[in-house]
């Protein structure tokens, strides 16, 4: 049986769809929750302070974009270690999709 964590056998491990790494899943979910909380705080500040300020409005999608890039960096580092990286890639895609939705805030401020 091939060891999933063996870095020399990445091809088979990436195709294998039986990932059972609850620790990585939990870490990725907590990371997404933290980024969403910071984005929600930026959204609340934007809505409470000045709804016509485009800089405050740009913070909301900016937080999601930086969070998505951070998740991709963590995914790449996990991949290089031979760990279970798809959870982190999924977190990045979720944050990028949320960034696209949040782009309505700068459009609303303009």
N, C-alpha and C. Protein backbone atom coordinates (compact mmCIF):
# COMPACT_ATOMS: atom_id res chain seq x y z
N UNK A 1 0.84 -1.18 0.00
CA UNK A 1 0.00 0.00 0.00
C UNK A 1 0.88 1.24 0.00
N UNK A 2 0.55 2.19 -0.81
CA UNK A 2 1.34 3.42 -0.89
C UNK A 2 1.03 4.33 0.28
N UNK A 3 2.07 4.95 0.79
CA UNK A 3 1.91 5.90 1.89
C UNK A 3 1.51 7.25 1.30
N UNK A 4 0.41 7.81 1.75
CA UNK A 4 -0.10 9.07 1.21
C UNK A 4 0.85 10.21 1.53
N UNK A 5 1.55 10.14 2.62
CA UNK A 5 2.42 11.24 3.04
C UNK A 5 3.82 11.14 2.45
N UNK A 6 4.08 10.16 1.60
CA UNK A 6 5.39 10.01 0.97
C UNK A 6 5.53 11.05 -0.14
N UNK A 7 6.46 12.01 -0.02
CA UNK A 7 6.57 13.06 -1.02
C UNK A 7 6.98 12.56 -2.40
N UNK A 8 7.61 11.40 -2.49
CA UNK A 8 8.02 10.91 -3.80
C UNK A 8 6.87 10.27 -4.56
N UNK A 9 5.76 9.98 -3.89
CA UNK A 9 4.62 9.34 -4.53
C UNK A 9 3.43 10.29 -4.57
N UNK A 10 3.67 11.55 -4.91
CA UNK A 10 2.61 12.56 -4.92
C UNK A 10 1.56 12.29 -5.98
N UNK A 11 1.96 11.74 -7.12
CA UNK A 11 1.01 11.53 -8.20
C UNK A 11 -0.15 10.65 -7.76
N UNK A 12 0.13 9.56 -7.14
CA UNK A 12 -0.93 8.66 -6.69
C UNK A 12 -1.70 9.28 -5.53
N UNK A 13 -1.04 9.95 -4.63
CA UNK A 13 -1.71 10.54 -3.47
C UNK A 13 -2.66 11.65 -3.89
N UNK A 14 -2.34 12.39 -4.95
CA UNK A 14 -3.21 13.47 -5.40
C UNK A 14 -4.46 12.94 -6.09
N UNK A 15 -4.34 11.80 -6.73
CA UNK A 15 -5.48 11.22 -7.42
C UNK A 15 -6.40 10.50 -6.43
N UNK A 16 -5.83 10.00 -5.37
CA UNK A 16 -6.58 9.28 -4.35
C UNK A 16 -7.56 10.24 -3.67
N UNK A 17 -8.82 9.89 -3.64
CA UNK A 17 -9.84 10.79 -3.09
C UNK A 17 -10.30 10.39 -1.70
N UNK A 18 -9.49 9.67 -0.97
CA UNK A 18 -9.89 9.23 0.37
C UNK A 18 -9.05 9.95 1.42
N UNK A 19 -9.17 11.26 1.47
CA UNK A 19 -8.43 12.02 2.46
C UNK A 19 -9.20 12.00 3.76
N UNK A 20 -8.53 11.64 4.82
CA UNK A 20 -9.16 11.56 6.14
C UNK A 20 -8.33 12.35 7.15
N UNK A 21 -8.09 13.58 6.87
CA UNK A 21 -7.26 14.40 7.74
C UNK A 21 -8.15 15.47 8.39
N UNK A 22 -8.76 15.12 9.51
CA UNK A 22 -9.69 16.05 10.16
C UNK A 22 -8.97 17.25 10.76
N UNK A 23 -7.70 17.08 11.14
CA UNK A 23 -6.95 18.21 11.68
C UNK A 23 -6.73 19.30 10.65
N UNK A 24 -6.38 18.91 9.43
CA UNK A 24 -6.19 19.88 8.36
C UNK A 24 -7.51 20.54 8.00
N UNK A 25 -8.57 19.75 7.94
CA UNK A 25 -9.89 20.31 7.64
C UNK A 25 -10.30 21.32 8.70
N UNK A 26 -10.08 20.99 9.96
CA UNK A 26 -10.43 21.90 11.04
C UNK A 26 -9.60 23.18 10.97
N UNK A 27 -8.31 23.06 10.68
CA UNK A 27 -7.45 24.24 10.57
C UNK A 27 -7.90 25.14 9.42
N UNK A 28 -8.24 24.54 8.28
CA UNK A 28 -8.69 25.33 7.14
C UNK A 28 -10.02 26.01 7.45
N UNK A 29 -10.92 25.31 8.12
CA UNK A 29 -12.22 25.89 8.46
C UNK A 29 -12.07 27.04 9.46
N UNK A 30 -11.20 26.89 10.43
CA UNK A 30 -10.97 27.97 11.39
C UNK A 30 -10.31 29.17 10.72
N UNK A 31 -9.42 28.91 9.77
CA UNK A 31 -8.78 29.99 9.01
C UNK A 31 -9.83 30.78 8.22
N UNK A 32 -10.71 30.06 7.54
CA UNK A 32 -11.77 30.72 6.77
C UNK A 32 -12.68 31.51 7.70
N UNK A 33 -13.03 30.95 8.85
CA UNK A 33 -13.89 31.65 9.80
C UNK A 33 -13.22 32.92 10.31
N UNK A 34 -11.91 32.87 10.54
CA UNK A 34 -11.20 34.06 11.01
C UNK A 34 -11.15 35.14 9.93
N UNK A 35 -10.90 34.74 8.69
CA UNK A 35 -10.85 35.72 7.60
C UNK A 35 -12.23 36.33 7.38
N UNK A 36 -13.27 35.51 7.43
CA UNK A 36 -14.63 36.02 7.26
C UNK A 36 -14.99 36.96 8.41
N UNK A 37 -14.55 36.67 9.62
CA UNK A 37 -14.82 37.56 10.76
C UNK A 37 -14.13 38.91 10.57
N UNK A 38 -12.90 38.90 10.10
CA UNK A 38 -12.20 40.17 9.84
C UNK A 38 -12.90 40.92 8.71
N UNK A 39 -13.33 40.19 7.67
CA UNK A 39 -14.07 40.83 6.58
C UNK A 39 -15.40 41.41 7.05
N UNK A 40 -16.08 40.71 7.95
CA UNK A 40 -17.35 41.21 8.49
C UNK A 40 -17.12 42.46 9.34
N UNK A 41 -16.01 42.48 10.07
CA UNK A 41 -15.68 43.68 10.85
C UNK A 41 -15.39 44.85 9.93
N UNK A 42 -14.67 44.60 8.84
CA UNK A 42 -14.41 45.67 7.86
C UNK A 42 -15.71 46.14 7.22
N UNK A 43 -16.62 45.22 6.97
CA UNK A 43 -17.92 45.58 6.40
C UNK A 43 -18.72 46.43 7.38
N UNK A 44 -18.70 46.05 8.65
CA UNK A 44 -19.43 46.81 9.66
C UNK A 44 -18.85 48.21 9.81
N UNK A 45 -17.54 48.33 9.76
CA UNK A 45 -16.91 49.66 9.84
C UNK A 45 -17.30 50.50 8.63
N UNK A 46 -17.27 49.90 7.45
CA UNK A 46 -17.66 50.62 6.24
C UNK A 46 -19.10 51.11 6.32
N UNK A 47 -20.00 50.25 6.76
CA UNK A 47 -21.41 50.63 6.82
C UNK A 47 -21.70 51.62 7.94
N UNK A 48 -20.93 51.59 9.02
CA UNK A 48 -21.19 52.48 10.14
C UNK A 48 -20.55 53.84 9.97
N UNK A 49 -19.38 53.89 9.35
CA UNK A 49 -18.63 55.16 9.30
C UNK A 49 -19.05 56.01 8.12
N UNK A 50 -18.84 55.52 6.91
CA UNK A 50 -19.12 56.34 5.73
C UNK A 50 -19.37 55.43 4.54
N UNK A 51 -20.59 55.42 4.06
CA UNK A 51 -20.95 54.53 2.95
C UNK A 51 -20.49 55.04 1.59
N UNK A 52 -19.92 56.22 1.55
CA UNK A 52 -19.43 56.73 0.26
C UNK A 52 -17.90 56.69 0.17
N UNK A 53 -17.24 56.14 1.16
CA UNK A 53 -15.78 56.05 1.18
C UNK A 53 -15.35 54.77 0.45
N UNK A 54 -14.73 54.94 -0.71
CA UNK A 54 -14.33 53.76 -1.50
C UNK A 54 -13.15 53.02 -0.88
N UNK A 55 -12.32 53.69 -0.11
CA UNK A 55 -11.19 53.02 0.53
C UNK A 55 -11.70 52.05 1.59
N UNK A 56 -12.64 52.50 2.42
CA UNK A 56 -13.22 51.59 3.41
C UNK A 56 -13.98 50.46 2.73
N UNK A 57 -14.65 50.76 1.62
CA UNK A 57 -15.39 49.73 0.89
C UNK A 57 -14.46 48.70 0.26
N UNK A 58 -13.27 49.12 -0.13
CA UNK A 58 -12.31 48.20 -0.76
C UNK A 58 -11.64 47.28 0.26
N UNK A 59 -11.74 47.61 1.54
CA UNK A 59 -11.17 46.73 2.55
C UNK A 59 -11.86 45.38 2.60
N UNK A 60 -13.15 45.36 2.34
CA UNK A 60 -13.90 44.11 2.45
C UNK A 60 -13.42 43.08 1.42
N UNK A 61 -13.41 43.38 0.12
CA UNK A 61 -12.87 42.38 -0.82
C UNK A 61 -11.36 42.20 -0.68
N UNK A 62 -10.67 43.23 -0.20
CA UNK A 62 -9.23 43.11 0.01
C UNK A 62 -8.88 42.08 1.07
N UNK A 63 -9.65 42.06 2.15
CA UNK A 63 -9.42 41.07 3.21
C UNK A 63 -9.64 39.66 2.66
N UNK A 64 -10.67 39.48 1.86
CA UNK A 64 -10.95 38.16 1.29
C UNK A 64 -9.86 37.74 0.30
N UNK A 65 -9.36 38.69 -0.49
CA UNK A 65 -8.31 38.37 -1.46
C UNK A 65 -7.01 37.99 -0.75
N UNK A 66 -6.63 38.75 0.25
CA UNK A 66 -5.41 38.44 1.00
C UNK A 66 -5.56 37.11 1.74
N UNK A 67 -6.75 36.86 2.28
CA UNK A 67 -7.00 35.58 2.94
C UNK A 67 -6.93 34.41 1.97
N UNK A 68 -7.44 34.60 0.76
CA UNK A 68 -7.36 33.55 -0.25
C UNK A 68 -5.94 33.26 -0.68
N UNK A 69 -5.15 34.32 -0.84
CA UNK A 69 -3.74 34.13 -1.18
C UNK A 69 -3.00 33.43 -0.05
N UNK A 70 -3.31 33.79 1.17
CA UNK A 70 -2.70 33.12 2.32
C UNK A 70 -3.05 31.64 2.36
N UNK A 71 -4.30 31.31 2.04
CA UNK A 71 -4.70 29.90 2.02
C UNK A 71 -3.98 29.14 0.92
N UNK A 72 -3.76 29.78 -0.23
CA UNK A 72 -3.00 29.11 -1.29
C UNK A 72 -1.55 28.89 -0.91
N UNK A 73 -0.98 29.83 -0.19
CA UNK A 73 0.41 29.67 0.28
C UNK A 73 0.49 28.51 1.27
N UNK A 74 -0.48 28.43 2.18
CA UNK A 74 -0.50 27.32 3.13
C UNK A 74 -0.72 26.00 2.39
N UNK A 75 -1.58 26.00 1.36
CA UNK A 75 -1.81 24.78 0.58
C UNK A 75 -0.53 24.33 -0.10
N UNK A 76 0.22 25.26 -0.67
CA UNK A 76 1.47 24.90 -1.34
C UNK A 76 2.49 24.35 -0.34
N UNK A 77 2.60 24.97 0.82
CA UNK A 77 3.53 24.49 1.83
C UNK A 77 3.13 23.10 2.33
N UNK A 78 1.83 22.87 2.48
CA UNK A 78 1.35 21.56 2.90
C UNK A 78 1.62 20.52 1.82
N UNK A 79 1.46 20.90 0.57
CA UNK A 79 1.75 20.01 -0.56
C UNK A 79 3.23 19.64 -0.58
N UNK A 80 4.09 20.62 -0.36
CA UNK A 80 5.54 20.35 -0.38
C UNK A 80 5.96 19.42 0.76
N UNK A 81 5.24 19.48 1.89
CA UNK A 81 5.52 18.58 3.01
C UNK A 81 4.93 17.20 2.79
N UNK A 82 4.09 17.05 1.77
CA UNK A 82 3.45 15.77 1.51
C UNK A 82 2.17 15.58 2.28
N UNK A 83 1.59 16.67 2.78
CA UNK A 83 0.36 16.59 3.56
C UNK A 83 -0.89 16.67 2.70
N UNK A 84 -2.01 16.76 3.36
CA UNK A 84 -3.31 16.84 2.69
C UNK A 84 -3.63 18.30 2.40
N UNK A 85 -3.42 18.70 1.17
CA UNK A 85 -3.53 20.11 0.80
C UNK A 85 -4.87 20.52 0.20
N UNK A 86 -5.73 19.63 -0.32
CA UNK A 86 -6.94 20.10 -0.99
C UNK A 86 -7.90 20.88 -0.10
N UNK A 87 -7.87 20.67 1.20
CA UNK A 87 -8.73 21.44 2.08
C UNK A 87 -8.36 22.93 2.04
N UNK A 88 -7.07 23.18 1.99
CA UNK A 88 -6.60 24.57 1.93
C UNK A 88 -6.92 25.19 0.57
N UNK A 89 -6.84 24.41 -0.49
CA UNK A 89 -7.21 24.94 -1.80
C UNK A 89 -8.70 25.27 -1.84
N UNK A 90 -9.51 24.42 -1.24
CA UNK A 90 -10.94 24.71 -1.16
C UNK A 90 -11.23 25.96 -0.35
N UNK A 91 -10.47 26.17 0.72
CA UNK A 91 -10.63 27.39 1.52
C UNK A 91 -10.29 28.62 0.68
N UNK A 92 -9.24 28.51 -0.12
CA UNK A 92 -8.84 29.63 -0.97
C UNK A 92 -9.92 29.94 -2.01
N UNK A 93 -10.47 28.91 -2.65
CA UNK A 93 -11.52 29.14 -3.64
C UNK A 93 -12.76 29.76 -3.00
N UNK A 94 -13.10 29.32 -1.79
CA UNK A 94 -14.24 29.92 -1.10
C UNK A 94 -14.00 31.40 -0.83
N UNK A 95 -12.80 31.74 -0.37
CA UNK A 95 -12.51 33.14 -0.06
C UNK A 95 -12.45 33.98 -1.33
N UNK A 96 -11.96 33.42 -2.43
CA UNK A 96 -11.95 34.16 -3.70
C UNK A 96 -13.38 34.39 -4.21
N UNK A 97 -14.25 33.40 -4.04
CA UNK A 97 -15.65 33.57 -4.44
C UNK A 97 -16.33 34.64 -3.57
N UNK A 98 -16.02 34.63 -2.29
CA UNK A 98 -16.56 35.65 -1.39
C UNK A 98 -16.03 37.03 -1.75
N UNK A 99 -14.78 37.09 -2.23
CA UNK A 99 -14.22 38.36 -2.67
C UNK A 99 -15.01 38.91 -3.87
N UNK A 100 -15.39 38.03 -4.79
CA UNK A 100 -16.17 38.49 -5.95
C UNK A 100 -17.52 39.05 -5.52
N UNK A 101 -18.14 38.43 -4.54
CA UNK A 101 -19.40 38.95 -4.02
C UNK A 101 -19.18 40.29 -3.32
N UNK A 102 -18.07 40.39 -2.57
CA UNK A 102 -17.78 41.61 -1.81
C UNK A 102 -17.35 42.76 -2.71
N UNK A 103 -17.06 42.51 -3.97
CA UNK A 103 -16.72 43.61 -4.88
C UNK A 103 -17.90 44.56 -5.11
N UNK A 104 -19.08 44.16 -4.66
CA UNK A 104 -20.23 45.06 -4.78
C UNK A 104 -20.12 46.24 -3.82
N UNK A 105 -19.36 46.09 -2.74
CA UNK A 105 -19.21 47.22 -1.79
C UNK A 105 -18.49 48.42 -2.40
N UNK A 106 -17.35 48.26 -3.06
CA UNK A 106 -16.74 49.44 -3.70
C UNK A 106 -17.62 50.00 -4.81
N UNK A 107 -18.35 49.14 -5.50
CA UNK A 107 -19.27 49.63 -6.54
C UNK A 107 -20.41 50.43 -5.91
N UNK A 108 -20.85 50.01 -4.74
CA UNK A 108 -21.90 50.72 -4.03
C UNK A 108 -21.40 52.09 -3.53
N UNK A 109 -20.14 52.16 -3.16
CA UNK A 109 -19.60 53.41 -2.63
C UNK A 109 -19.32 54.43 -3.73
N UNK A 110 -19.10 53.96 -4.92
CA UNK A 110 -18.74 54.88 -6.02
C UNK A 110 -19.89 55.63 -6.57
